[in-house]
C-alpha atoms as a PDB file:
ATOM      1  CA  MET A   1      20.980  -2.384  29.104  1.00  0.00           C
ATOM      2  CA  GLU A   2      17.740  -4.228  28.323  1.00  0.00           C
ATOM      3  CA  ASP A   3      16.520  -1.224  26.324  1.00  0.00           C
ATOM      4  CA  VAL A   4      19.679  -1.313  24.235  1.00  0.00           C
ATOM      5  CA  LEU A   5      19.307  -5.036  23.574  1.00  0.00           C
ATOM      6  CA  ASP A   6      15.636  -4.606  22.681  1.00  0.00           C
ATOM      7  CA  ARG A   7      16.459  -1.782  20.314  1.00  0.00           C
ATOM      8  CA  GLN A   8      19.193  -3.851  18.657  1.00  0.00           C
ATOM      9  CA  GLU A   9      16.797  -6.782  18.296  1.00  0.00           C
ATOM     10  CA  LEU A  10      14.172  -4.527  16.696  1.00  0.00           C
ATOM     11  CA  GLU A  11      16.752  -3.105  14.316  1.00  0.00           C
ATOM     12  CA  ARG A  12      17.898  -6.613  13.399  1.00  0.00           C
ATOM     13  CA  ARG A  13      14.327  -7.734  12.683  1.00  0.00           C
ATOM     14  CA  ALA A  14      13.604  -4.616  10.662  1.00  0.00           C
ATOM     15  CA  ARG A  15      16.784  -5.179   8.664  1.00  0.00           C
ATOM     16  CA  MET A  16      15.810  -8.784   7.960  1.00  0.00           C
ATOM     17  CA  CYS A  17      12.334  -7.682   6.871  1.00  0.00           C
ATOM     18  CA  ARG A  18      13.816  -5.111   4.509  1.00  0.00           C
ATOM     19  CA  ARG A  19      16.165  -7.679   3.015  1.00  0.00           C
ATOM     20  CA  ALA A  20      13.326 -10.168   2.539  1.00  0.00           C
ATOM     21  CA  ALA A  21      11.166  -7.488   0.940  1.00  0.00           C
ATOM     22  CA  SER A  22      13.965  -6.399  -1.380  1.00  0.00           C
ATOM     23  CA  LYS A  23      14.656  -9.966  -2.490  1.00  0.00           C
ATOM     24  CA  LYS A  24      10.949 -10.573  -3.093  1.00  0.00           C
ATOM     25  CA  ALA A  25      10.601  -7.347  -5.039  1.00  0.00           C
ATOM     26  CA  GLN A  26      13.694  -8.152  -7.099  1.00  0.00           C
ATOM     27  CA  ARG A  27      12.370 -11.648  -7.869  1.00  0.00           C
ATOM     28  CA  GLU A  28       8.995 -10.287  -8.957  1.00  0.00           C
ATOM     29  CA  LEU A  29      10.583  -7.594 -11.080  1.00  0.00           C
ATOM     30  CA  ASP A  30      12.877 -10.135 -12.728  1.00  0.00           C
ATOM     31  CA  GLU A  31       9.810 -12.117 -13.730  1.00  0.00           C
ATOM     32  CA  GLN A  32       8.093  -9.030 -15.082  1.00  0.00           C
ATOM     33  CA  LEU A  33      11.222  -7.921 -16.925  1.00  0.00           C
ATOM     34  CA  GLY A  34      11.645 -11.357 -18.430  1.00  0.00           C
ATOM     35  CA  VAL A  35       8.109 -11.249 -19.734  1.00  0.00           C
ATOM     36  CA  ALA A  36       8.577  -7.741 -21.098  1.00  0.00           C
ATOM     37  CA  VAL A  37      11.837  -8.687 -22.836  1.00  0.00           C
ATOM     38  CA  ALA A  38      10.212 -11.775 -24.297  1.00  0.00           C
ATOM     39  CA  MET A  39       7.350  -9.653 -25.551  1.00  0.00           C
ATOM     40  CA  GLN A  40       9.756  -7.230 -27.186  1.00  0.00           C
ATOM     41  CA  GLU A  41      11.668 -10.108 -28.777  1.00  0.00           C
ATOM     42  CA  GLU A  42       8.400 -11.497 -30.077  1.00  0.00           C
ATOM     43  CA  GLU A  43       7.639  -8.147 -31.658  1.00  0.00           C
ATOM     44  CA  ASN A  44      11.046  -8.038 -33.324  1.00  0.00           C
ATOM     45  CA  GLN A  45      10.636 -11.575 -34.635  1.00  0.00           C
ATOM     46  CA  SER A  46       7.161 -10.813 -35.943  1.00  0.00           C
ATOM     47  CA  ARG A  47       8.629  -7.935 -37.932  1.00  0.00           C
ATOM     48  CA  ARG A  48      11.145 -10.352 -39.434  1.00  0.00           C
ATOM     49  CA  GLY A  49       8.398 -12.784 -40.362  1.00  0.00           C
ATOM     50  CA  SER A  50       8.533 -15.159 -37.374  1.00  0.00           C
ATOM     51  CA  ARG A  51       5.385 -16.710 -35.981  1.00  0.00           C
ATOM     52  CA  GLY A  52       3.397 -14.605 -33.513  1.00  0.00           C
ATOM     53  CA  GLY A  53       2.054 -15.461 -30.098  1.00  0.00           C
ATOM     54  CA  GLN A  54       5.422 -16.435 -28.662  1.00  0.00           C
ATOM     55  CA  VAL A  55       4.911 -14.403 -25.506  1.00  0.00           C
ATOM     56  CA  ASP A  56       1.484 -15.917 -25.005  1.00  0.00           C
ATOM     57  CA  GLU A  57       3.037 -19.394 -25.151  1.00  0.00           C
ATOM     58  CA  ILE A  58       5.873 -18.529 -22.729  1.00  0.00           C
ATOM     59  CA  ALA A  59       4.024 -16.473 -20.108  1.00  0.00           C
ATOM     60  CA  ARG A  60       0.459 -17.648 -20.752  1.00  0.00           C
ATOM     61  CA  MET A  61      -0.496 -13.953 -20.751  1.00  0.00           C
ATOM     62  CA  GLY A  62      -1.537 -11.473 -23.392  1.00  0.00           C
ATOM     63  CA  LYS A  63       0.388  -8.345 -24.258  1.00  0.00           C
ATOM     64  CA  SER A  64      -2.091  -5.992 -22.610  1.00  0.00           C
ATOM     65  CA  THR A  65      -2.063  -8.045 -19.400  1.00  0.00           C
ATOM     66  CA  ILE A  66       1.722  -8.101 -19.311  1.00  0.00           C
ATOM     67  CA  LEU A  67       1.955  -4.338 -19.758  1.00  0.00           C
ATOM     68  CA  GLU A  68      -0.687  -3.701 -17.120  1.00  0.00           C
ATOM     69  CA  SER A  69       1.059  -6.027 -14.657  1.00  0.00           C
ATOM     70  CA  LEU A  70       4.398  -4.323 -15.239  1.00  0.00           C
ATOM     71  CA  VAL A  71       2.955  -0.845 -14.755  1.00  0.00           C
ATOM     72  CA  ARG A  72       1.138  -1.864 -11.574  1.00  0.00           C
ATOM     73  CA  PHE A  73       4.239  -3.539 -10.183  1.00  0.00           C
ATOM     74  CA  CYS A  74       6.390  -0.451 -10.827  1.00  0.00           C
ATOM     75  CA  ASP A  75       3.793   1.811  -9.240  1.00  0.00           C
ATOM     76  CA  ALA A  76       3.646  -0.413  -6.160  1.00  0.00           C
ATOM     77  CA  VAL A  77       7.430  -0.495  -5.734  1.00  0.00           C
ATOM     78  CA  GLU A  78       7.680   3.259  -6.206  1.00  0.00           C
ATOM     79  CA  ASN A  79       4.928   4.023  -3.698  1.00  0.00           C
ATOM     80  CA  LEU A  80       6.132   1.566  -1.045  1.00  0.00           C
ATOM     81  CA  TYR A  81       9.909   1.956  -1.124  1.00  0.00           C
ATOM     82  CA  THR A  82      10.720   5.469  -2.384  1.00  0.00           C
ATOM     83  CA  ARG A  83      10.766   6.814   1.162  1.00  0.00           C
ATOM     84  CA  ASP A  84      13.434   4.324   2.283  1.00  0.00           C
ATOM     85  CA  TYR A  85      15.475   3.649  -0.851  1.00  0.00           C
ATOM     86  CA  LEU A  86      15.388   6.942  -2.747  1.00  0.00           C
ATOM     87  CA  ARG A  87      15.627   9.376   0.128  1.00  0.00           C
ATOM     88  CA  ARG A  88      17.762  12.316   1.114  1.00  0.00           C
ATOM     89  CA  PRO A  89      20.926  11.406   3.049  1.00  0.00           C
ATOM     90  CA  THR A  90      20.394  11.277   6.788  1.00  0.00           C
ATOM     91  CA  PRO A  91      23.009  12.871   9.084  1.00  0.00           C
ATOM     92  CA  ARG A  92      24.552   9.422   9.565  1.00  0.00           C
ATOM     93  CA  ASP A  93      24.666   8.839   5.801  1.00  0.00           C
ATOM     94  CA  LEU A  94      26.116  12.280   5.222  1.00  0.00           C
ATOM     95  CA  GLN A  95      28.806  11.745   7.849  1.00  0.00           C
ATOM     96  CA  ARG A  96      29.803   8.468   6.228  1.00  0.00           C
ATOM     97  CA  LEU A  97      29.968  10.085   2.774  1.00  0.00           C
ATOM     98  CA  LEU A  98      32.062  12.989   4.046  1.00  0.00           C
ATOM     99  CA  GLN A  99      34.457  10.721   5.940  1.00  0.00           C
ATOM    100  CA  LYS A 100      34.953   8.617   2.836  1.00  0.00           C
ATOM    101  CA  ALA A 101      35.579  11.773   0.807  1.00  0.00           C
ATOM    102  CA  GLU A 102      38.185  12.985   3.300  1.00  0.00           C
ATOM    103  CA  SER A 103      39.998   9.675   3.077  1.00  0.00           C
ATOM    104  CA  ARG A 104      40.035  10.125  -0.702  1.00  0.00           C
ATOM    105  CA  GLY A 105      41.559  13.584  -0.409  1.00  0.00           C
ATOM    106  CA  PHE A 106      38.435  15.670  -1.124  1.00  0.00           C
ATOM    107  CA  PRO A 107      37.082  17.030   2.186  1.00  0.00           C
ATOM    108  CA  GLY A 108      33.569  18.385   1.894  1.00  0.00           C
ATOM    109  CA  MET A 109      32.682  16.264  -1.140  1.00  0.00           C
ATOM    110  CA  ILE A 110      29.231  14.703  -0.900  1.00  0.00           C
ATOM    111  CA  ASP A 111      28.705  12.709  -4.099  1.00  0.00           C
ATOM    112  CA  SER A 112      29.198  12.676  -7.864  1.00  0.00           C
ATOM    113  CA  ILE A 113      26.607  14.182 -10.189  1.00  0.00           C
ATOM    114  CA  ASP A 114      26.149  13.427 -13.875  1.00  0.00           C
ATOM    115  CA  TRP A 115      23.562  12.302 -16.400  1.00  0.00           C
ATOM    116  CA  ASP A 116      23.150   9.487 -18.882  1.00  0.00           C
ATOM    117  CA  TYR A 117      20.806   8.621 -21.723  1.00  0.00           C
ATOM    118  CA  GLY A 118      17.929   6.243 -21.145  1.00  0.00           C
ATOM    119  CA  ASN A 119      16.964   3.964 -24.035  1.00  0.00           C
ATOM    120  CA  ARG A 120      19.595   5.390 -26.367  1.00  0.00           C
ATOM    121  CA  LYS A 121      19.112   2.686 -28.993  1.00  0.00           C
ATOM    122  CA  GLY A 122      15.981   4.401 -30.285  1.00  0.00           C
ATOM    123  CA  GLN A 123      15.977   7.533 -32.363  1.00  0.00           C
ATOM    124  CA  LYS A 124      14.797   9.506 -29.350  1.00  0.00           C
ATOM    125  CA  SER A 125      16.218   9.276 -25.838  1.00  0.00           C
ATOM    126  CA  ILE A 126      15.480  10.504 -22.323  1.00  0.00           C
ATOM    127  CA  ILE A 127      18.092  11.752 -19.863  1.00  0.00           C
ATOM    128  CA  LEU A 128      18.575  10.451 -16.334  1.00  0.00           C
ATOM    129  CA  GLU A 129      20.296  12.825 -13.911  1.00  0.00           C
ATOM    130  CA  ALA A 130      21.616  11.125 -10.789  1.00  0.00           C
ATOM    131  CA  VAL A 131      23.697  11.783  -7.692  1.00  0.00           C
ATOM    132  CA  VAL A 132      25.710   8.683  -6.775  1.00  0.00           C
ATOM    133  CA  GLY A 133      27.826   7.851  -3.725  1.00  0.00           C
ATOM    134  CA  PHE A 134      31.030   5.876  -3.465  1.00  0.00           C
ATOM    135  CA  ASP A 135      29.044   2.634  -2.992  1.00  0.00           C
ATOM    136  CA  THR A 136      26.928   3.351  -6.144  1.00  0.00           C
ATOM    137  CA  TRP A 137      23.887   4.177  -4.001  1.00  0.00           C
ATOM    138  CA  VAL A 138      21.687   6.623  -5.925  1.00  0.00           C
ATOM    139  CA  TRP A 139      20.654   9.521  -3.675  1.00  0.00           C
ATOM    140  CA  HIS A 140      18.897  11.604  -6.309  1.00  0.00           C
ATOM    141  CA  ALA A 141      17.287  10.700  -9.627  1.00  0.00           C
ATOM    142  CA  PHE A 142      15.649  13.053 -12.112  1.00  0.00           C
ATOM    143  CA  PHE A 143      14.295  11.419 -15.262  1.00  0.00           C
ATOM    144  CA  GLY A 144      12.254  12.804 -18.126  1.00  0.00           C
ATOM    145  CA  VAL A 145      14.277  15.460 -19.977  1.00  0.00           C
ATOM    146  CA  ALA A 146      14.648  14.998 -23.720  1.00  0.00           C
ATOM    147  CA  GLY A 147      17.979  13.633 -24.883  1.00  0.00           C
ATOM    148  CA  SER A 148      18.585  16.608 -27.178  1.00  0.00           C
ATOM    149  CA  GLN A 149      19.349  18.818 -24.155  1.00  0.00           C
ATOM    150  CA  ASN A 150      22.712  19.177 -22.440  1.00  0.00           C
ATOM    151  CA  ASP A 151      23.817  19.262 -18.801  1.00  0.00           C
ATOM    152  CA  LEU A 152      22.924  22.923 -18.303  1.00  0.00           C
ATOM    153  CA  ASN A 153      19.377  22.427 -19.594  1.00  0.00           C
ATOM    154  CA  VAL A 154      18.912  19.401 -17.360  1.00  0.00           C
ATOM    155  CA  LEU A 155      20.341  21.249 -14.362  1.00  0.00           C
ATOM    156  CA  GLY A 156      17.938  24.148 -14.935  1.00  0.00           C
ATOM    157  CA  GLN A 157      14.951  21.786 -14.701  1.00  0.00           C
ATOM    158  CA  SER A 158      16.277  19.554 -11.912  1.00  0.00           C
ATOM    159  CA  PRO A 159      15.158  19.939  -8.267  1.00  0.00           C
ATOM    160  CA  VAL A 160      18.568  18.840  -6.965  1.00  0.00           C
ATOM    161  CA  PHE A 161      19.320  22.244  -5.361  1.00  0.00           C
ATOM    162  CA  ASN A 162      15.858  23.075  -4.067  1.00  0.00           C
ATOM    163  CA  ASP A 163      16.965  22.422  -0.484  1.00  0.00           C
ATOM    164  CA  ILE A 164      19.731  25.001  -0.852  1.00  0.00           C
ATOM    165  CA  LEU A 165      17.311  27.586  -2.204  1.00  0.00           C
ATOM    166  CA  ARG A 166      14.933  26.898   0.676  1.00  0.00           C
ATOM    167  CA  GLY A 167      17.762  27.143   3.180  1.00  0.00           C
ATOM    168  CA  GLU A 168      17.154  23.586   4.420  1.00  0.00           C
ATOM    169  CA  CYS A 169      20.464  22.001   3.447  1.00  0.00           C
ATOM    170  CA  PRO A 170      22.777  20.878   6.285  1.00  0.00           C
ATOM    171  CA  ASN A 171      25.621  23.239   7.136  1.00  0.00           C
ATOM    172  CA  ILE A 172      28.925  21.505   6.374  1.00  0.00           C
ATOM    173  CA  THR A 173      32.055  23.136   7.761  1.00  0.00           C
ATOM    174  CA  TYR A 174      35.521  21.999   6.701  1.00  0.00           C
ATOM    175  CA  GLN A 175      38.984  23.474   6.328  1.00  0.00           C
ATOM    176  CA  VAL A 176      41.179  23.076   3.267  1.00  0.00           C
ATOM    177  CA  ASN A 177      44.591  24.710   2.902  1.00  0.00           C
ATOM    178  CA  ASN A 178      43.941  26.944   5.944  1.00  0.00           C
ATOM    179  CA  THR A 179      40.633  28.168   4.473  1.00  0.00           C
ATOM    180  CA  VAL A 180      37.253  27.406   6.070  1.00  0.00           C
ATOM    181  CA  TYR A 181      34.317  26.599   3.793  1.00  0.00           C
ATOM    182  CA  GLN A 182      30.654  26.353   4.751  1.00  0.00           C
ATOM    183  CA  ASN A 183      29.058  24.313   1.962  1.00  0.00           C
ATOM    184  CA  GLY A 184      29.526  20.862   0.466  1.00  0.00           C
ATOM    185  CA  TYR A 185      29.963  20.127  -3.221  1.00  0.00           C
ATOM    186  CA  TYR A 186      29.532  17.517  -5.921  1.00  0.00           C
ATOM    187  CA  ILE A 187      32.172  16.170  -8.276  1.00  0.00           C
ATOM    188  CA  ALA A 188      31.115  17.120 -11.820  1.00  0.00           C
ATOM    189  CA  ASN A 189      32.442  17.212 -15.361  1.00  0.00           C
ATOM    190  CA  SER A 190      33.637  20.304 -17.211  1.00  0.00           C
ATOM    191  CA  ILE A 191      30.316  21.324 -18.786  1.00  0.00           C
ATOM    192  CA  TYR A 192      28.719  22.159 -15.445  1.00  0.00           C
ATOM    193  CA  PRO A 193      28.827  25.832 -14.379  1.00  0.00           C
ATOM    194  CA  ARG A 194      31.422  27.247 -11.976  1.00  0.00           C
ATOM    195  CA  TRP A 195      29.177  27.208  -8.905  1.00  0.00           C
ATOM    196  CA  THR A 196      30.027  26.694  -5.263  1.00  0.00           C
ATOM    197  CA  THR A 197      28.186  23.360  -5.374  1.00  0.00           C
ATOM    198  CA  PHE A 198      30.533  21.831  -7.971  1.00  0.00           C
ATOM    199  CA  VAL A 199      34.193  20.923  -8.186  1.00  0.00           C
ATOM    200  CA  LYS A 200      35.268  20.327 -11.765  1.00  0.00           C
ATOM    201  CA  SER A 201      38.380  18.988 -13.370  1.00  0.00           C
ATOM    202  CA  ILE A 202      41.009  21.122 -15.081  1.00  0.00           C
ATOM    203  CA  PRO A 203      40.461  21.065 -18.867  1.00  0.00           C
ATOM    204  CA  HIS A 204      44.102  21.468 -19.931  1.00  0.00           C
ATOM    205  CA  PRO A 205      46.384  20.688 -16.968  1.00  0.00           C
ATOM    206  CA  ARG A 206      49.983  21.793 -17.348  1.00  0.00           C
ATOM    207  CA  SER A 207      51.778  21.590 -14.033  1.00  0.00           C
ATOM    208  CA  GLN A 208      52.311  18.356 -12.161  1.00  0.00           C
ATOM    209  CA  LYS A 209      49.843  19.400  -9.455  1.00  0.00           C
ATOM    210  CA  GLU A 210      47.145  20.141 -12.017  1.00  0.00           C
ATOM    211  CA  ILE A 211      47.684  16.807 -13.758  1.00  0.00           C
ATOM    212  CA  PHE A 212      47.549  15.012 -10.415  1.00  0.00           C
ATOM    213  CA  PHE A 213      44.353  16.802  -9.370  1.00  0.00           C
ATOM    214  CA  ALA A 214      42.643  16.178 -12.705  1.00  0.00           C
ATOM    215  CA  ALA A 215      43.499  12.477 -12.584  1.00  0.00           C
ATOM    216  CA  TYR A 216      42.052  12.034  -9.087  1.00  0.00           C
ATOM    217  CA  GLN A 217      38.958  14.120  -9.792  1.00  0.00           C
ATOM    218  CA  GLU A 218      38.172  12.232 -12.992  1.00  0.00           C
ATOM    219  CA  GLY A 219      38.905   8.943 -11.248  1.00  0.00           C
ATOM    220  CA  TYR A 220      36.373   9.627  -8.511  1.00  0.00           C
ATOM    221  CA  ARG A 221      33.775  10.518 -11.123  1.00  0.00           C
ATOM    222  CA  LYS A 222      33.972   6.901 -12.254  1.00  0.00           C
ATOM    223  CA  ASP A 223      31.571   6.065  -9.410  1.00  0.00           C
ATOM    224  CA  MET A 224      28.842   7.552 -11.574  1.00  0.00           C
ATOM    225  CA  GLU A 225      29.891   5.629 -14.677  1.00  0.00           C
ATOM    226  CA  ILE A 226      30.053   2.401 -12.685  1.00  0.00           C
ATOM    227  CA  CYS A 227      26.541   2.979 -11.374  1.00  0.00           C
ATOM    228  CA  PHE A 228      25.139   3.612 -14.851  1.00  0.00           C
ATOM    229  CA  GLY A 229      26.898   0.501 -16.106  1.00  0.00           C
ATOM    230  CA  ILE A 230      25.463  -1.600 -13.284  1.00  0.00           C
ATOM    231  CA  LEU A 231      21.942  -0.325 -13.951  1.00  0.00           C
ATOM    232  CA  GLN A 232      22.118  -1.174 -17.645  1.00  0.00           C
ATOM    233  CA  ALA A 233      23.762  -4.541 -17.051  1.00  0.00           C
ATOM    234  CA  ARG A 234      21.314  -5.542 -14.320  1.00  0.00           C
ATOM    235  CA  TRP A 235      18.048  -4.346 -15.882  1.00  0.00           C
ATOM    236  CA  ALA A 236      17.666  -5.153 -19.567  1.00  0.00           C
ATOM    237  CA  ILE A 237      14.436  -3.167 -19.790  1.00  0.00           C
ATOM    238  CA  ILE A 238      16.323   0.130 -19.435  1.00  0.00           C
ATOM    239  CA  ARG A 239      19.165  -0.980 -21.694  1.00  0.00           C
ATOM    240  CA  GLY A 240      17.086  -1.678 -24.766  1.00  0.00           C
ATOM    241  CA  ALA A 241      14.742   0.429 -26.846  1.00  0.00           C
ATOM    242  CA  ALA A 242      11.363   1.374 -25.390  1.00  0.00           C
ATOM    243  CA  ARG A 243       8.796   1.772 -28.138  1.00  0.00           C
ATOM    244  CA  LEU A 244       5.820   0.410 -26.199  1.00  0.00           C
ATOM    245  CA  PHE A 245       5.733   2.807 -23.226  1.00  0.00           C
ATOM    246  CA  ASP A 246       4.883   6.455 -22.780  1.00  0.00           C
ATOM    247  CA  GLU A 247       7.063   8.883 -20.839  1.00  0.00           C
ATOM    248  CA  GLU A 248       5.345   8.432 -17.481  1.00  0.00           C
ATOM    249  CA  VAL A 249       5.610   4.649 -17.641  1.00  0.00           C
ATOM    250  CA  LEU A 250       9.289   4.946 -18.606  1.00  0.00           C
ATOM    251  CA  ARG A 251       9.873   7.212 -15.610  1.00  0.00           C
ATOM    252  CA  SER A 252       8.162   4.705 -13.305  1.00  0.00           C
ATOM    253  CA  ILE A 253      10.249   1.829 -14.709  1.00  0.00           C
ATOM    254  CA  MET A 254      13.487   3.797 -14.301  1.00  0.00           C
ATOM    255  CA  ILE A 255      12.699   4.808 -10.713  1.00  0.00           C
ATOM    256  CA  THR A 256      11.713   1.221  -9.885  1.00  0.00           C
ATOM    257  CA  CYS A 257      15.001  -0.127 -11.230  1.00  0.00           C
ATOM    258  CA  ILE A 258      16.930   2.490  -9.224  1.00  0.00           C
ATOM    259  CA  ILE A 259      15.035   1.596  -6.045  1.00  0.00           C
ATOM    260  CA  LEU A 260      15.748  -2.108  -6.536  1.00  0.00           C
ATOM    261  CA  HIS A 261      19.387  -1.268  -7.261  1.00  0.00           C
ATOM    262  CA  ASN A 262      19.595   0.609  -3.944  1.00  0.00           C
ATOM    263  CA  MET A 263      17.981  -2.370  -2.221  1.00  0.00           C
ATOM    264  CA  ILE A 264      20.716  -4.620  -3.554  1.00  0.00           C
ATOM    265  CA  VAL A 265      23.445  -2.152  -2.546  1.00  0.00           C
ATOM    266  CA  GLY A 266      21.994  -1.838   0.948  1.00  0.00           C
ATOM    267  CA  ASP A 267      21.803  -5.627   1.245  1.00  0.00           C
ATOM    268  CA  GLU A 268      25.333  -6.316   0.026  1.00  0.00           C
ATOM    269  CA  TYR A 269      27.132  -3.419   1.738  1.00  0.00           C
ATOM    270  CA  ASN A 270      27.511  -3.795   5.488  1.00  0.00           C
ATOM    271  CA  TYR A 271      26.593  -0.360   6.809  1.00  0.00           C
ATOM    272  CA  ASP A 272      26.356  -1.590  10.409  1.00  0.00           C
ATOM    273  CA  VAL A 273      30.104  -2.003  10.724  1.00  0.00           C
ATOM    274  CA  GLU A 274      31.566   1.152  12.184  1.00  0.00           C
ATOM    275  CA  GLU A 275      34.303   2.584  10.010  1.00  0.00           C
ATOM    276  CA  VAL A 276      37.028   3.775  12.338  1.00  0.00           C
ATOM    277  CA  TYR A 277      38.929   6.848  11.197  1.00  0.00           C
ATOM    278  CA  GLU A 278      41.941   7.479  13.388  1.00  0.00           C
ATOM    279  CA  PRO A 279      42.451  11.172  14.134  1.00  0.00           C
ATOM    280  CA  ASP A 280      45.449  12.681  12.435  1.00  0.00           C
ATOM    281  CA  PRO A 281      46.880  15.626  14.410  1.00  0.00           C
ATOM    282  CA  MET A 282      48.608  16.929  11.281  1.00  0.00           C
ATOM    283  CA  ASN A 283      45.374  16.914   9.236  1.00  0.00           C
ATOM    284  CA  THR A 284      43.235  19.998   9.748  1.00  0.00           C
ATOM    285  CA  THR A 285      40.548  19.083   7.225  1.00  0.00           C
ATOM    286  CA  LEU A 286      37.981  17.971   9.783  1.00  0.00           C
ATOM    287  CA  THR A 287      34.412  18.137   8.506  1.00  0.00           C
ATOM    288  CA  ARG A 288      31.591  18.938  10.870  1.00  0.00           C
ATOM    289  CA  ILE A 289      27.892  18.725  10.074  1.00  0.00           C
ATOM    290  CA  TYR A 290      25.104  20.764  11.579  1.00  0.00           C
ATOM    291  CA  GLU A 291      21.809  19.234  10.537  1.00  0.00           C
ATOM    292  CA  LYS A 292      19.690  22.224  11.624  1.00  0.00           C
ATOM    293  CA  PRO A 293      21.250  25.700  11.637  1.00  0.00           C
ATOM    294  CA  MET A 294      20.888  27.354  15.033  1.00  0.00           C
ATOM    295  CA  GLY A 295      19.894  30.969  15.493  1.00  0.00           C
ATOM    296  CA  PRO A 296      21.305  33.500  17.952  1.00  0.00           C
ATOM    297  CA  ASN A 297      18.731  32.467  20.568  1.00  0.00           C
ATOM    298  CA  GLY A 298      19.905  28.841  20.462  1.00  0.00           C
ATOM    299  CA  GLU A 299      16.822  27.537  18.639  1.00  0.00           C
ATOM    300  CA  PRO A 300      16.653  26.047  15.127  1.00  0.00           C
ATOM    301  CA  VAL A 301      16.262  28.571  12.335  1.00  0.00           C
ATOM    302  CA  GLU A 302      12.871  28.533  10.644  1.00  0.00           C
ATOM    303  CA  HIS A 303      13.382  28.152   6.892  1.00  0.00           C
ATOM    304  CA  ASP A 304      11.478  30.066   4.281  1.00  0.00           C
ATOM    305  CA  PRO A 305       9.228  28.200   1.858  1.00  0.00           C
ATOM    306  CA  LEU A 306      10.351  27.988  -1.753  1.00  0.00           C
ATOM    307  CA  VAL A 307       7.613  30.102  -3.307  1.00  0.00           C
ATOM    308  CA  ARG A 308       7.705  32.764  -5.970  1.00  0.00           C
ATOM    309  CA  ASP A 309       5.999  35.688  -4.282  1.00  0.00           C
ATOM    310  CA  GLY A 310       7.083  39.085  -3.081  1.00  0.00           C
ATOM    311  CA  THR A 311       7.717  37.929   0.501  1.00  0.00           C
ATOM    312  CA  PHE A 312      10.343  35.236   0.023  1.00  0.00           C
ATOM    313  CA  MET A 313      11.487  35.749  -3.563  1.00  0.00           C
ATOM    314  CA  HIS A 314      14.409  38.030  -2.700  1.00  0.00           C
ATOM    315  CA  ARG A 315      15.799  35.551  -0.143  1.00  0.00           C
ATOM    316  CA  MET A 316      15.687  32.749  -2.681  1.00  0.00           C
ATOM    317  CA  ILE A 317      17.475  34.995  -5.180  1.00  0.00           C
ATOM    318  CA  GLU A 318      20.169  35.784  -2.607  1.00  0.00           C
ATOM    319  CA  ARG A 319      20.817  32.076  -2.007  1.00  0.00           C
ATOM    320  CA  TYR A 320      20.830  31.411  -5.740  1.00  0.00           C
ATOM    321  CA  THR A 321      23.321  34.228  -6.333  1.00  0.00           C
ATOM    322  CA  GLU A 322      25.553  32.960  -3.535  1.00  0.00           C
ATOM    323  CA  MET A 323      25.445  29.448  -4.992  1.00  0.00           C
ATOM    324  CA  GLN A 324      26.633  30.840  -8.363  1.00  0.00           C
ATOM    325  CA  SER A 325      29.798  32.402  -6.927  1.00  0.00           C
ATOM    326  CA  SER A 326      32.608  31.551  -9.345  1.00  0.00           C
ATOM    327  CA  TYR A 327      35.203  33.087  -7.008  1.00  0.00           C
ATOM    328  CA  ILE A 328      34.550  30.516  -4.271  1.00  0.00           C
ATOM    329  CA  HIS A 329      34.531  27.765  -6.894  1.00  0.00           C
ATOM    330  CA  GLU A 330      37.947  28.696  -8.271  1.00  0.00           C
ATOM    331  CA  HIS A 331      39.485  29.431  -4.873  1.00  0.00           C
ATOM    332  CA  ARG A 332      38.323  26.094  -3.453  1.00  0.00           C
ATOM    333  CA  GLN A 333      39.593  24.253  -6.512  1.00  0.00           C
ATOM    334  CA  VAL A 334      43.063  25.693  -5.937  1.00  0.00           C
ATOM    335  CA  ASP A 335      42.917  24.837  -2.228  1.00  0.00           C
ATOM    336  CA  LEU A 336      41.833  21.280  -2.992  1.00  0.00           C
ATOM    337  CA  MET A 337      44.645  20.944  -5.493  1.00  0.00           C
ATOM    338  CA  GLU A 338      47.207  21.987  -2.878  1.00  0.00           C
ATOM    339  CA  HIS A 339      45.614  19.764  -0.224  1.00  0.00           C
ATOM    340  CA  LEU A 340      45.470  16.715  -2.500  1.00  0.00           C
ATOM    341  CA  TRP A 341      49.082  17.196  -3.512  1.00  0.00           C
ATOM    342  CA  ALA A 342      50.155  17.482   0.153  1.00  0.00           C
ATOM    343  CA  VAL A 343      48.152  14.407   1.204  1.00  0.00           C
ATOM    344  CA  LYS A 344      48.548  12.035  -1.745  1.00  0.00           C
ATOM    345  CA  GLY A 345      51.300  13.578  -3.858  1.00  0.00           C
ATOM    346  CA  ASN A 346      53.900  11.082  -2.633  1.00  0.00           C
ATOM    347  CA  GLU A 347      51.741   8.160  -3.788  1.00  0.00           C
ATOM    348  CA  GLY A 348      52.151   9.120  -7.432  1.00  0.00           C
ATOM    349  CA  GLN A 349      55.941   9.100  -7.234  1.00  0.00           C
END
């Protein structure tokens, strides 16, 4: 009993330290962002003929010092907090995401995936690809692709499915419409390919079930839009034009803002409260997670490294081909449509 109390006390202290660190980091970044915005406003006013040196009078700092301080601050936040606030979902996180998805009518759904433009006010823009949960926590961020490219080009350069190609992704087993599936999926828009890792909407729904499914699928994708809106509303530096920074500095600023956003989400959302899901004997869509696949001898399976050589290349190609199965994609979409109509169809009447 004493060990349990000591462990709870240590967890409480660690949680308080994380909250204090996040608030301090947010306060420091707000100061840096305010200086950067003031500097940009001073530049705009100087172009219109206003007097110069406004930033020097407000912050008592020169432009070069302000830029150097901002870059160093972003590098420090990225190096210190990426491991905790921009990490892969732990088994506990994954279980919470899957339980929330089941309550929404989409068993096996992990998150929503989409992209948005960064600094779209300029003539050139950079794309941010993100995977966002129901609480707007960003689990994956890939920034740096030119804005002239579309979703397929971004997906081809993104490392979001590297774990699947390595064979390191958790095995997720769930049953939908009397069919057992072995892999999770992301909610995506219609431009994404018909892979087993995506569940897309129906472009031109005709029947009542198709209209119902499309409405729910597109509604759950709003988590991504809400997250992008929060990021742009909270951090003015990623909302406006960025003429003073190179691509690497822009990437560091974007990742820093996402980390601080996750800090705020983790501070405001009470993850310690256990969400009780009462078992439903009539619901067979129970999701089970196996963090490490077990071999026939009862020991964890050793995964192959993701390298392009003659030894492991064919295994990576096999996983990639399996991930591109359009048959599983279409069959699961139909099963989800039937399941969603059976679970939530009465709510729309």
